[in-house]
Amino acid sequence: MNSKVALNIYGLKPREKLAKYQKAITQCGATPALLDPTPTLVVCAGSHDAARDMLDLIDTKEQELMNLRVQREQLMDTAMGHHSTLGSCVETQSLGNPAFITVC
C-alpha cells in the first residue's frame, strides 16, 4: 500500500498555507533520508519567500488604501460642508430671486 502526502491546505488563508509550506520545507531539510528532493529545498524556500514578500506588499498596499479612503471621506466631508455653506450663501444673497440662484 502506498501512502500519500496530505497537504491539508484547502480552505486555509494564504499566510496559513505559507506557514504549512515553511514547516514542510523545514521538516524535509531535517530529514536525512530525503536525498534529492524535487524541487530542491532552495527552490522551495525561494518560492515561499517570494510569496511571503508579495503578501507583505499586498498588506502594506491595503493599509495604504484604507488610509487613503479615510482621508477621502474627511476631504469629502469638508468639501460637501463648504458646498452646503456656499448654497446657503447664495440663498441669502439672492433674497429669493430665482434668476440670481440660477446664475450661481
PDB file of N, CA and C in Angstrom:
ATOM      1  N   MET A   1       0.849  -1.183   0.000  1.00  0.00           N
ATOM      2  CA  MET A   1       0.000   0.000   0.000  1.00  0.00           C
ATOM      3  C   MET A   1       0.887   1.235   0.000  1.00  0.00           C
ATOM      4  N   ASN A   2       0.595   2.149  -0.905  1.00  0.00           N
ATOM      5  CA  ASN A   2       1.357   3.384  -0.991  1.00  0.00           C
ATOM      6  C   ASN A   2       0.674   4.481  -0.191  1.00  0.00           C
ATOM      7  N   SER A   3       1.436   5.137   0.661  1.00  0.00           N
ATOM      8  CA  SER A   3       0.907   6.275   1.416  1.00  0.00           C
ATOM      9  C   SER A   3       1.004   7.527   0.570  1.00  0.00           C
ATOM     10  N   LYS A   4       0.148   8.464   0.834  1.00  0.00           N
ATOM     11  CA  LYS A   4       0.119   9.740   0.122  1.00  0.00           C
ATOM     12  C   LYS A   4       0.358  10.862   1.121  1.00  0.00           C
ATOM     13  N   VAL A   5       0.950  11.932   0.623  1.00  0.00           N
ATOM     14  CA  VAL A   5       1.145  13.130   1.443  1.00  0.00           C
ATOM     15  C   VAL A   5      -0.133  13.941   1.400  1.00  0.00           C
ATOM     16  N   ALA A   6      -0.666  14.265   2.556  1.00  0.00           N
ATOM     17  CA  ALA A   6      -1.863  15.100   2.644  1.00  0.00           C
ATOM     18  C   ALA A   6      -1.427  16.523   2.972  1.00  0.00           C
ATOM     19  N   LEU A   7      -1.587  17.410   2.017  1.00  0.00           N
ATOM     20  CA  LEU A   7      -1.174  18.796   2.234  1.00  0.00           C
ATOM     21  C   LEU A   7      -2.112  19.533   3.184  1.00  0.00           C
ATOM     22  N   ASN A   8      -3.392  19.196   3.135  1.00  0.00           N
ATOM     23  CA  ASN A   8      -4.396  19.803   4.020  1.00  0.00           C
ATOM     24  C   ASN A   8      -4.348  21.330   3.986  1.00  0.00           C
ATOM     25  N   ILE A   9      -4.412  21.880   2.786  1.00  0.00           N
ATOM     26  CA  ILE A   9      -4.375  23.342   2.671  1.00  0.00           C
ATOM     27  C   ILE A   9      -5.702  23.916   2.175  1.00  0.00           C
ATOM     28  N   TYR A  10      -6.649  23.056   1.842  1.00  0.00           N
ATOM     29  CA  TYR A  10      -7.936  23.539   1.355  1.00  0.00           C
ATOM     30  C   TYR A  10      -8.606  24.399   2.424  1.00  0.00           C
ATOM     31  N   GLY A  11      -9.060  25.568   2.021  1.00  0.00           N
ATOM     32  CA  GLY A  11      -9.787  26.452   2.938  1.00  0.00           C
ATOM     33  C   GLY A  11      -8.888  27.314   3.807  1.00  0.00           C
ATOM     34  N   LEU A  12      -7.591  27.122   3.707  1.00  0.00           N
ATOM     35  CA  LEU A  12      -6.686  27.943   4.513  1.00  0.00           C
ATOM     36  C   LEU A  12      -6.452  29.291   3.830  1.00  0.00           C
ATOM     37  N   LYS A  13      -6.153  30.281   4.642  1.00  0.00           N
ATOM     38  CA  LYS A  13      -5.788  31.597   4.112  1.00  0.00           C
ATOM     39  C   LYS A  13      -4.344  31.533   3.613  1.00  0.00           C
ATOM     40  N   PRO A  14      -3.972  32.460   2.726  1.00  0.00           N
ATOM     41  CA  PRO A  14      -2.627  32.418   2.152  1.00  0.00           C
ATOM     42  C   PRO A  14      -1.501  32.325   3.194  1.00  0.00           C
ATOM     43  N   ARG A  15      -1.567  33.082   4.254  1.00  0.00           N
ATOM     44  CA  ARG A  15      -0.493  33.023   5.266  1.00  0.00           C
ATOM     45  C   ARG A  15      -0.475  31.678   5.984  1.00  0.00           C
ATOM     46  N   GLU A  16      -1.645  31.091   6.183  1.00  0.00           N
ATOM     47  CA  GLU A  16      -1.711  29.771   6.807  1.00  0.00           C
ATOM     48  C   GLU A  16      -1.100  28.719   5.875  1.00  0.00           C
ATOM     49  N   LYS A  17      -1.372  28.848   4.579  1.00  0.00           N
ATOM     50  CA  LYS A  17      -0.775  27.937   3.610  1.00  0.00           C
ATOM     51  C   LYS A  17       0.747  28.072   3.621  1.00  0.00           C
ATOM     52  N   LEU A  18       1.234  29.304   3.650  1.00  0.00           N
ATOM     53  CA  LEU A  18       2.686  29.511   3.671  1.00  0.00           C
ATOM     54  C   LEU A  18       3.318  28.967   4.941  1.00  0.00           C
ATOM     55  N   ALA A  19       2.611  29.064   6.061  1.00  0.00           N
ATOM     56  CA  ALA A  19       3.135  28.520   7.316  1.00  0.00           C
ATOM     57  C   ALA A  19       3.291  27.000   7.205  1.00  0.00           C
ATOM     58  N   LYS A  20       2.304  26.349   6.602  1.00  0.00           N
ATOM     59  CA  LYS A  20       2.410  24.897   6.401  1.00  0.00           C
ATOM     60  C   LYS A  20       3.543  24.570   5.435  1.00  0.00           C
ATOM     61  N   TYR A  21       3.686  25.369   4.388  1.00  0.00           N
ATOM     62  CA  TYR A  21       4.749  25.166   3.408  1.00  0.00           C
ATOM     63  C   TYR A  21       6.112  25.324   4.082  1.00  0.00           C
ATOM     64  N   GLN A  22       6.267  26.357   4.909  1.00  0.00           N
ATOM     65  CA  GLN A  22       7.534  26.570   5.609  1.00  0.00           C
ATOM     66  C   GLN A  22       7.840  25.403   6.532  1.00  0.00           C
ATOM     67  N   LYS A  23       6.826  24.903   7.212  1.00  0.00           N
ATOM     68  CA  LYS A  23       7.019  23.757   8.100  1.00  0.00           C
ATOM     69  C   LYS A  23       7.478  22.539   7.303  1.00  0.00           C
ATOM     70  N   ALA A  24       6.875  22.331   6.126  1.00  0.00           N
ATOM     71  CA  ALA A  24       7.265  21.196   5.280  1.00  0.00           C
ATOM     72  C   ALA A  24       8.710  21.347   4.806  1.00  0.00           C
ATOM     73  N   ILE A  25       9.088  22.553   4.410  1.00  0.00           N
ATOM     74  CA  ILE A  25      10.463  22.803   3.967  1.00  0.00           C
ATOM     75  C   ILE A  25      11.444  22.500   5.095  1.00  0.00           C
ATOM     76  N   THR A  26      11.117  22.991   6.287  1.00  0.00           N
ATOM     77  CA  THR A  26      11.983  22.773   7.450  1.00  0.00           C
ATOM     78  C   THR A  26      12.088  21.286   7.775  1.00  0.00           C
ATOM     79  N   GLN A  27      10.958  20.603   7.804  1.00  0.00           N
ATOM     80  CA  GLN A  27      10.968  19.174   8.131  1.00  0.00           C
ATOM     81  C   GLN A  27      11.702  18.362   7.066  1.00  0.00           C
ATOM     82  N   CYS A  28      11.502  18.705   5.814  1.00  0.00           N
ATOM     83  CA  CYS A  28      12.204  17.978   4.744  1.00  0.00           C
ATOM     84  C   CYS A  28      13.712  18.229   4.831  1.00  0.00           C
ATOM     85  N   GLY A  29      14.082  19.434   5.200  1.00  0.00           N
ATOM     86  CA  GLY A  29      15.507  19.749   5.344  1.00  0.00           C
ATOM     87  C   GLY A  29      16.154  19.005   6.491  1.00  0.00           C
ATOM     88  N   ALA A  30      15.361  18.657   7.488  1.00  0.00           N
ATOM     89  CA  ALA A  30      15.882  17.938   8.652  1.00  0.00           C
ATOM     90  C   ALA A  30      15.808  16.425   8.486  1.00  0.00           C
ATOM     91  N   THR A  31      15.352  15.976   7.332  1.00  0.00           N
ATOM     92  CA  THR A  31      15.208  14.546   7.086  1.00  0.00           C
ATOM     93  C   THR A  31      16.346  14.054   6.206  1.00  0.00           C
ATOM     94  N   PRO A  32      17.341  13.366   6.805  1.00  0.00           N
ATOM     95  CA  PRO A  32      18.478  12.909   6.004  1.00  0.00           C
ATOM     96  C   PRO A  32      18.099  11.879   4.944  1.00  0.00           C
ATOM     97  N   ALA A  33      16.975  11.223   5.103  1.00  0.00           N
ATOM     98  CA  ALA A  33      16.577  10.197   4.139  1.00  0.00           C
ATOM     99  C   ALA A  33      16.107  10.813   2.813  1.00  0.00           C
ATOM    100  N   LEU A  34      15.737  12.095   2.830  1.00  0.00           N
ATOM    101  CA  LEU A  34      15.298  12.775   1.617  1.00  0.00           C
ATOM    102  C   LEU A  34      16.537  13.349   0.935  1.00  0.00           C
ATOM    103  N   LEU A  35      17.109  12.572   0.019  1.00  0.00           N
ATOM    104  CA  LEU A  35      18.417  12.891  -0.542  1.00  0.00           C
ATOM    105  C   LEU A  35      18.397  13.960  -1.617  1.00  0.00           C
ATOM    106  N   ASP A  36      17.482  13.859  -2.541  1.00  0.00           N
ATOM    107  CA  ASP A  36      17.497  14.758  -3.696  1.00  0.00           C
ATOM    108  C   ASP A  36      16.072  15.196  -4.018  1.00  0.00           C
ATOM    109  N   PRO A  37      15.496  16.085  -3.184  1.00  0.00           N
ATOM    110  CA  PRO A  37      14.098  16.471  -3.411  1.00  0.00           C
ATOM    111  C   PRO A  37      13.934  17.286  -4.695  1.00  0.00           C
ATOM    112  N   THR A  38      12.775  17.126  -5.284  1.00  0.00           N
ATOM    113  CA  THR A  38      12.402  17.908  -6.463  1.00  0.00           C
ATOM    114  C   THR A  38      11.070  18.577  -6.170  1.00  0.00           C
ATOM    115  N   PRO A  39      10.996  19.883  -6.211  1.00  0.00           N
ATOM    116  CA  PRO A  39      12.080  20.834  -6.425  1.00  0.00           C
ATOM    117  C   PRO A  39      13.025  20.848  -5.227  1.00  0.00           C
ATOM    118  N   THR A  40      14.183  21.410  -5.418  1.00  0.00           N
ATOM    119  CA  THR A  40      15.152  21.460  -4.320  1.00  0.00           C
ATOM    120  C   THR A  40      14.600  22.323  -3.192  1.00  0.00           C
ATOM    121  N   LEU A  41      15.146  22.126  -2.006  1.00  0.00           N
ATOM    122  CA  LEU A  41      14.688  22.912  -0.856  1.00  0.00           C
ATOM    123  C   LEU A  41      15.038  24.387  -1.038  1.00  0.00           C
ATOM    124  N   VAL A  42      16.107  24.676  -1.751  1.00  0.00           N
ATOM    125  CA  VAL A  42      16.471  26.071  -2.035  1.00  0.00           C
ATOM    126  C   VAL A  42      15.400  26.709  -2.921  1.00  0.00           C
ATOM    127  N   VAL A  43      14.950  25.979  -3.932  1.00  0.00           N
ATOM    128  CA  VAL A  43      13.890  26.476  -4.811  1.00  0.00           C
ATOM    129  C   VAL A  43      12.594  26.659  -4.008  1.00  0.00           C
ATOM    130  N   CYS A  44      12.296  25.701  -3.156  1.00  0.00           N
ATOM    131  CA  CYS A  44      11.094  25.797  -2.322  1.00  0.00           C
ATOM    132  C   CYS A  44      11.158  27.017  -1.404  1.00  0.00           C
ATOM    133  N   ALA A  45      12.303  27.209  -0.766  1.00  0.00           N
ATOM    134  CA  ALA A  45      12.467  28.362   0.127  1.00  0.00           C
ATOM    135  C   ALA A  45      12.325  29.665  -0.660  1.00  0.00           C
ATOM    136  N   GLY A  46      12.862  29.682  -1.860  1.00  0.00           N
ATOM    137  CA  GLY A  46      12.747  30.878  -2.698  1.00  0.00           C
ATOM    138  C   GLY A  46      11.308  31.184  -3.079  1.00  0.00           C
ATOM    139  N   SER A  47      10.555  30.160  -3.444  1.00  0.00           N
ATOM    140  CA  SER A  47       9.154  30.391  -3.815  1.00  0.00           C
ATOM    141  C   SER A  47       8.332  30.799  -2.596  1.00  0.00           C
ATOM    142  N   HIS A  48       8.665  30.205  -1.443  1.00  0.00           N
ATOM    143  CA  HIS A  48       7.990  30.592  -0.201  1.00  0.00           C
ATOM    144  C   HIS A  48       8.249  32.058   0.102  1.00  0.00           C
ATOM    145  N   ASP A  49       9.528  32.446   0.038  1.00  0.00           N
ATOM    146  CA  ASP A  49       9.889  33.820   0.384  1.00  0.00           C
ATOM    147  C   ASP A  49       9.283  34.826  -0.593  1.00  0.00           C
ATOM    148  N   ALA A  50       9.245  34.476  -1.872  1.00  0.00           N
ATOM    149  CA  ALA A  50       8.651  35.372  -2.873  1.00  0.00           C
ATOM    150  C   ALA A  50       7.157  35.558  -2.608  1.00  0.00           C
ATOM    151  N   ALA A  51       6.472  34.473  -2.289  1.00  0.00           N
ATOM    152  CA  ALA A  51       5.039  34.560  -1.987  1.00  0.00           C
ATOM    153  C   ALA A  51       4.814  35.370  -0.710  1.00  0.00           C
ATOM    154  N   ARG A  52       5.641  35.137   0.308  1.00  0.00           N
ATOM    155  CA  ARG A  52       5.523  35.889   1.563  1.00  0.00           C
ATOM    156  C   ARG A  52       5.748  37.374   1.325  1.00  0.00           C
ATOM    157  N   ASP A  53       6.776  37.701   0.527  1.00  0.00           N
ATOM    158  CA  ASP A  53       7.069  39.103   0.237  1.00  0.00           C
ATOM    159  C   ASP A  53       5.902  39.769  -0.493  1.00  0.00           C
ATOM    160  N   MET A  54       5.267  39.035  -1.395  1.00  0.00           N
ATOM    161  CA  MET A  54       4.118  39.591  -2.109  1.00  0.00           C
ATOM    162  C   MET A  54       2.948  39.806  -1.157  1.00  0.00           C
ATOM    163  N   LEU A  55       2.720  38.863  -0.253  1.00  0.00           N
ATOM    164  CA  LEU A  55       1.652  39.045   0.732  1.00  0.00           C
ATOM    165  C   LEU A  55       1.934  40.252   1.616  1.00  0.00           C
ATOM    166  N   ASP A  56       3.197  40.430   1.995  1.00  0.00           N
ATOM    167  CA  ASP A  56       3.571  41.601   2.797  1.00  0.00           C
ATOM    168  C   ASP A  56       3.305  42.894   2.029  1.00  0.00           C
ATOM    169  N   LEU A  57       3.655  42.899   0.753  1.00  0.00           N
ATOM    170  CA  LEU A  57       3.426  44.080  -0.077  1.00  0.00           C
ATOM    171  C   LEU A  57       1.933  44.365  -0.210  1.00  0.00           C
ATOM    172  N   ILE A  58       1.149  43.315  -0.415  1.00  0.00           N
ATOM    173  CA  ILE A  58      -0.303  43.486  -0.512  1.00  0.00           C
ATOM    174  C   ILE A  58      -0.859  44.043   0.788  1.00  0.00           C
ATOM    175  N   ASP A  59      -0.401  43.525   1.931  1.00  0.00           N
ATOM    176  CA  ASP A  59      -0.864  44.038   3.226  1.00  0.00           C
ATOM    177  C   ASP A  59      -0.544  45.523   3.361  1.00  0.00           C
ATOM    178  N   THR A  60       0.664  45.902   2.945  1.00  0.00           N
ATOM    179  CA  THR A  60       1.069  47.306   3.023  1.00  0.00           C
ATOM    180  C   THR A  60       0.181  48.171   2.134  1.00  0.00           C
ATOM    181  N   LYS A  61      -0.042  47.719   0.903  1.00  0.00           N
ATOM    182  CA  LYS A  61      -0.862  48.486  -0.038  1.00  0.00           C
ATOM    183  C   LYS A  61      -2.317  48.559   0.429  1.00  0.00           C
ATOM    184  N   GLU A  62      -2.828  47.485   1.018  1.00  0.00           N
ATOM    185  CA  GLU A  62      -4.198  47.513   1.526  1.00  0.00           C
ATOM    186  C   GLU A  62      -4.328  48.504   2.678  1.00  0.00           C
ATOM    187  N   GLN A  63      -3.306  48.578   3.524  1.00  0.00           N
ATOM    188  CA  GLN A  63      -3.313  49.557   4.616  1.00  0.00           C
ATOM    189  C   GLN A  63      -3.249  50.972   4.054  1.00  0.00           C
ATOM    190  N   GLU A  64      -2.407  51.172   3.034  1.00  0.00           N
ATOM    191  CA  GLU A  64      -2.319  52.481   2.387  1.00  0.00           C
ATOM    192  C   GLU A  64      -3.666  52.871   1.778  1.00  0.00           C
ATOM    193  N   LEU A  65      -4.314  51.917   1.126  1.00  0.00           N
ATOM    194  CA  LEU A  65      -5.613  52.177   0.516  1.00  0.00           C
ATOM    195  C   LEU A  65      -6.652  52.520   1.579  1.00  0.00           C
ATOM    196  N   MET A  66      -6.629  51.807   2.692  1.00  0.00           N
ATOM    197  CA  MET A  66      -7.552  52.097   3.777  1.00  0.00           C
ATOM    198  C   MET A  66      -7.319  53.521   4.303  1.00  0.00           C
ATOM    199  N   ASN A  67      -6.052  53.899   4.452  1.00  0.00           N
ATOM    200  CA  ASN A  67      -5.727  55.254   4.907  1.00  0.00           C
ATOM    201  C   ASN A  67      -6.191  56.298   3.895  1.00  0.00           C
ATOM    202  N   LEU A  68      -5.997  56.015   2.607  1.00  0.00           N
ATOM    203  CA  LEU A  68      -6.455  56.944   1.574  1.00  0.00           C
ATOM    204  C   LEU A  68      -7.972  57.093   1.595  1.00  0.00           C
ATOM    205  N   ARG A  69      -8.680  56.019   1.856  1.00  0.00           N
ATOM    206  CA  ARG A  69     -10.144  56.094   1.913  1.00  0.00           C
ATOM    207  C   ARG A  69     -10.606  56.928   3.101  1.00  0.00           C
ATOM    208  N   VAL A  70      -9.919  56.799   4.224  1.00  0.00           N
ATOM    209  CA  VAL A  70     -10.249  57.633   5.391  1.00  0.00           C
ATOM    210  C   VAL A  70     -10.022  59.103   5.040  1.00  0.00           C
ATOM    211  N   GLN A  71      -8.878  59.398   4.414  1.00  0.00           N
ATOM    212  CA  GLN A  71      -8.587  60.777   4.017  1.00  0.00           C
ATOM    213  C   GLN A  71      -9.627  61.287   3.018  1.00  0.00           C
ATOM    214  N   ARG A  72     -10.014  60.422   2.062  1.00  0.00           N
ATOM    215  CA  ARG A  72     -11.035  60.807   1.084  1.00  0.00           C
ATOM    216  C   ARG A  72     -12.324  61.200   1.784  1.00  0.00           C
ATOM    217  N   GLU A  73     -12.754  60.399   2.745  1.00  0.00           N
ATOM    218  CA  GLU A  73     -14.006  60.696   3.444  1.00  0.00           C
ATOM    219  C   GLU A  73     -13.908  62.009   4.203  1.00  0.00           C
ATOM    220  N   GLN A  74     -12.767  62.259   4.831  1.00  0.00           N
ATOM    221  CA  GLN A  74     -12.583  63.520   5.555  1.00  0.00           C
ATOM    222  C   GLN A  74     -12.620  64.705   4.593  1.00  0.00           C
ATOM    223  N   LEU A  75     -11.929  64.564   3.467  1.00  0.00           N
ATOM    224  CA  LEU A  75     -11.910  65.645   2.477  1.00  0.00           C
ATOM    225  C   LEU A  75     -13.287  65.850   1.848  1.00  0.00           C
ATOM    226  N   MET A  76     -13.990  64.754   1.580  1.00  0.00           N
ATOM    227  CA  MET A  76     -15.338  64.876   1.015  1.00  0.00           C
ATOM    228  C   MET A  76     -16.287  65.531   2.017  1.00  0.00           C
ATOM    229  N   ASP A  77     -16.154  65.195   3.294  1.00  0.00           N
ATOM    230  CA  ASP A  77     -16.991  65.835   4.315  1.00  0.00           C
ATOM    231  C   ASP A  77     -16.736  67.334   4.334  1.00  0.00           C
ATOM    232  N   THR A  78     -15.471  67.725   4.276  1.00  0.00           N
ATOM    233  CA  THR A  78     -15.118  69.150   4.263  1.00  0.00           C
ATOM    234  C   THR A  78     -15.669  69.824   3.007  1.00  0.00           C
ATOM    235  N   ALA A  79     -15.447  69.196   1.847  1.00  0.00           N
ATOM    236  CA  ALA A  79     -15.905  69.775   0.585  1.00  0.00           C
ATOM    237  C   ALA A  79     -17.426  69.919   0.560  1.00  0.00           C
ATOM    238  N   MET A  80     -18.157  68.897   1.012  1.00  0.00           N
ATOM    239  CA  MET A  80     -19.613  68.965   0.991  1.00  0.00           C
ATOM    240  C   MET A  80     -20.142  69.961   2.021  1.00  0.00           C
ATOM    241  N   GLY A  81     -19.413  70.124   3.117  1.00  0.00           N
ATOM    242  CA  GLY A  81     -19.774  71.169   4.088  1.00  0.00           C
ATOM    243  C   GLY A  81     -19.624  72.551   3.458  1.00  0.00           C
ATOM    244  N   HIS A  82     -18.543  72.743   2.720  1.00  0.00           N
ATOM    245  CA  HIS A  82     -18.339  74.021   2.022  1.00  0.00           C
ATOM    246  C   HIS A  82     -19.396  74.214   0.943  1.00  0.00           C
ATOM    247  N   HIS A  83     -19.748  73.139   0.245  1.00  0.00           N
ATOM    248  CA  HIS A  83     -20.784  73.205  -0.786  1.00  0.00           C
ATOM    249  C   HIS A  83     -22.104  73.652  -0.181  1.00  0.00           C
ATOM    250  N   SER A  84     -22.444  73.077   0.943  1.00  0.00           N
ATOM    251  CA  SER A  84     -23.692  73.431   1.621  1.00  0.00           C
ATOM    252  C   SER A  84     -23.671  74.890   2.085  1.00  0.00           C
ATOM    253  N   THR A  85     -22.547  75.313   2.646  1.00  0.00           N
ATOM    254  CA  THR A  85     -22.415  76.693   3.115  1.00  0.00           C
ATOM    255  C   THR A  85     -22.516  77.664   1.944  1.00  0.00           C
ATOM    256  N   LEU A  86     -21.881  77.322   0.824  1.00  0.00           N
ATOM    257  CA  LEU A  86     -21.957  78.159  -0.372  1.00  0.00           C
ATOM    258  C   LEU A  86     -23.405  78.271  -0.853  1.00  0.00           C
ATOM    259  N   GLY A  87     -24.133  77.138  -0.827  1.00  0.00           N
ATOM    260  CA  GLY A  87     -25.546  77.172  -1.213  1.00  0.00           C
ATOM    261  C   GLY A  87     -26.353  78.088  -0.314  1.00  0.00           C
ATOM    262  N   SER A  88     -26.076  78.035   0.976  1.00  0.00           N
ATOM    263  CA  SER A  88     -26.772  78.917   1.921  1.00  0.00           C
ATOM    264  C   SER A  88     -26.441  80.374   1.644  1.00  0.00           C
ATOM    265  N   CYS A  89     -25.191  80.634   1.315  1.00  0.00           N
ATOM    266  CA  CYS A  89     -24.768  81.994   1.000  1.00  0.00           C
ATOM    267  C   CYS A  89     -25.525  82.513  -0.228  1.00  0.00           C
ATOM    268  N   VAL A  90     -25.637  81.689  -1.260  1.00  0.00           N
ATOM    269  CA  VAL A  90     -26.355  82.080  -2.479  1.00  0.00           C
ATOM    270  C   VAL A  90     -27.820  82.345  -2.152  1.00  0.00           C
ATOM    271  N   GLU A  91     -28.436  81.488  -1.347  1.00  0.00           N
ATOM    272  CA  GLU A  91     -29.837  81.682  -0.964  1.00  0.00           C
ATOM    273  C   GLU A  91     -30.017  83.018  -0.253  1.00  0.00           C
ATOM    274  N   THR A  92     -29.118  83.296   0.688  1.00  0.00           N
ATOM    275  CA  THR A  92     -29.220  84.523   1.469  1.00  0.00           C
ATOM    276  C   THR A  92     -29.060  85.756   0.579  1.00  0.00           C
ATOM    277  N   GLN A  93     -28.043  85.740  -0.260  1.00  0.00           N
ATOM    278  CA  GLN A  93     -27.762  86.920  -1.075  1.00  0.00           C
ATOM    279  C   GLN A  93     -28.758  87.081  -2.224  1.00  0.00           C
ATOM    280  N   SER A  94     -29.429  86.015  -2.603  1.00  0.00           N
ATOM    281  CA  SER A  94     -30.386  86.105  -3.715  1.00  0.00           C
ATOM    282  C   SER A  94     -31.682  86.776  -3.319  1.00  0.00           C
ATOM    283  N   LEU A  95     -31.933  86.815  -2.018  1.00  0.00           N
ATOM    284  CA  LEU A  95     -33.197  87.338  -1.497  1.00  0.00           C
ATOM    285  C   LEU A  95     -34.391  86.634  -2.161  1.00  0.00           C
ATOM    286  N   GLY A  96     -34.178  85.361  -2.502  1.00  0.00           N
ATOM    287  CA  GLY A  96     -35.250  84.560  -3.088  1.00  0.00           C
ATOM    288  C   GLY A  96     -35.432  84.746  -4.580  1.00  0.00           C
ATOM    289  N   ASN A  97     -34.578  85.502  -5.227  1.00  0.00           N
ATOM    290  CA  ASN A  97     -34.686  85.747  -6.658  1.00  0.00           C
ATOM    291  C   ASN A  97     -34.188  84.517  -7.415  1.00  0.00           C
ATOM    292  N   PRO A  98     -35.085  83.798  -8.123  1.00  0.00           N
ATOM    293  CA  PRO A  98     -34.682  82.587  -8.830  1.00  0.00           C
ATOM    294  C   PRO A  98     -33.636  82.833  -9.923  1.00  0.00           C
ATOM    295  N   ALA A  99     -33.675  83.990 -10.546  1.00  0.00           N
ATOM    296  CA  ALA A  99     -32.710  84.297 -11.601  1.00  0.00           C
ATOM    297  C   ALA A  99     -31.295  84.364 -10.997  1.00  0.00           C
ATOM    298  N   PHE A 100     -31.167  84.948  -9.814  1.00  0.00           N
ATOM    299  CA  PHE A 100     -29.866  85.046  -9.135  1.00  0.00           C
ATOM    300  C   PHE A 100     -29.366  83.653  -8.773  1.00  0.00           C
ATOM    301  N   ILE A 101     -30.269  82.839  -8.243  1.00  0.00           N
ATOM    302  CA  ILE A 101     -29.885  81.462  -7.840  1.00  0.00           C
ATOM    303  C   ILE A 101     -29.468  80.648  -9.036  1.00  0.00           C
ATOM    304  N   THR A 102     -30.156  80.795 -10.170  1.00  0.00           N
ATOM    305  CA  THR A 102     -29.845  80.045 -11.370  1.00  0.00           C
ATOM    306  C   THR A 102     -28.453  80.391 -11.900  1.00  0.00           C
ATOM    307  N   VAL A 103     -28.080  81.642 -11.810  1.00  0.00           N
ATOM    308  CA  VAL A 103     -26.782  82.082 -12.298  1.00  0.00           C
ATOM    309  C   VAL A 103     -25.653  81.499 -11.452  1.00  0.00           C
ATOM    310  N   CYS A 104     -25.892  81.341 -10.170  1.00  0.00           N
ATOM    311  CA  CYS A 104     -24.842  80.814  -9.290  1.00  0.00           C
ATOM    312  C   CYS A 104     -24.874  79.319  -9.337  1.00  0.00           C
TER     313      CYS A 104
END
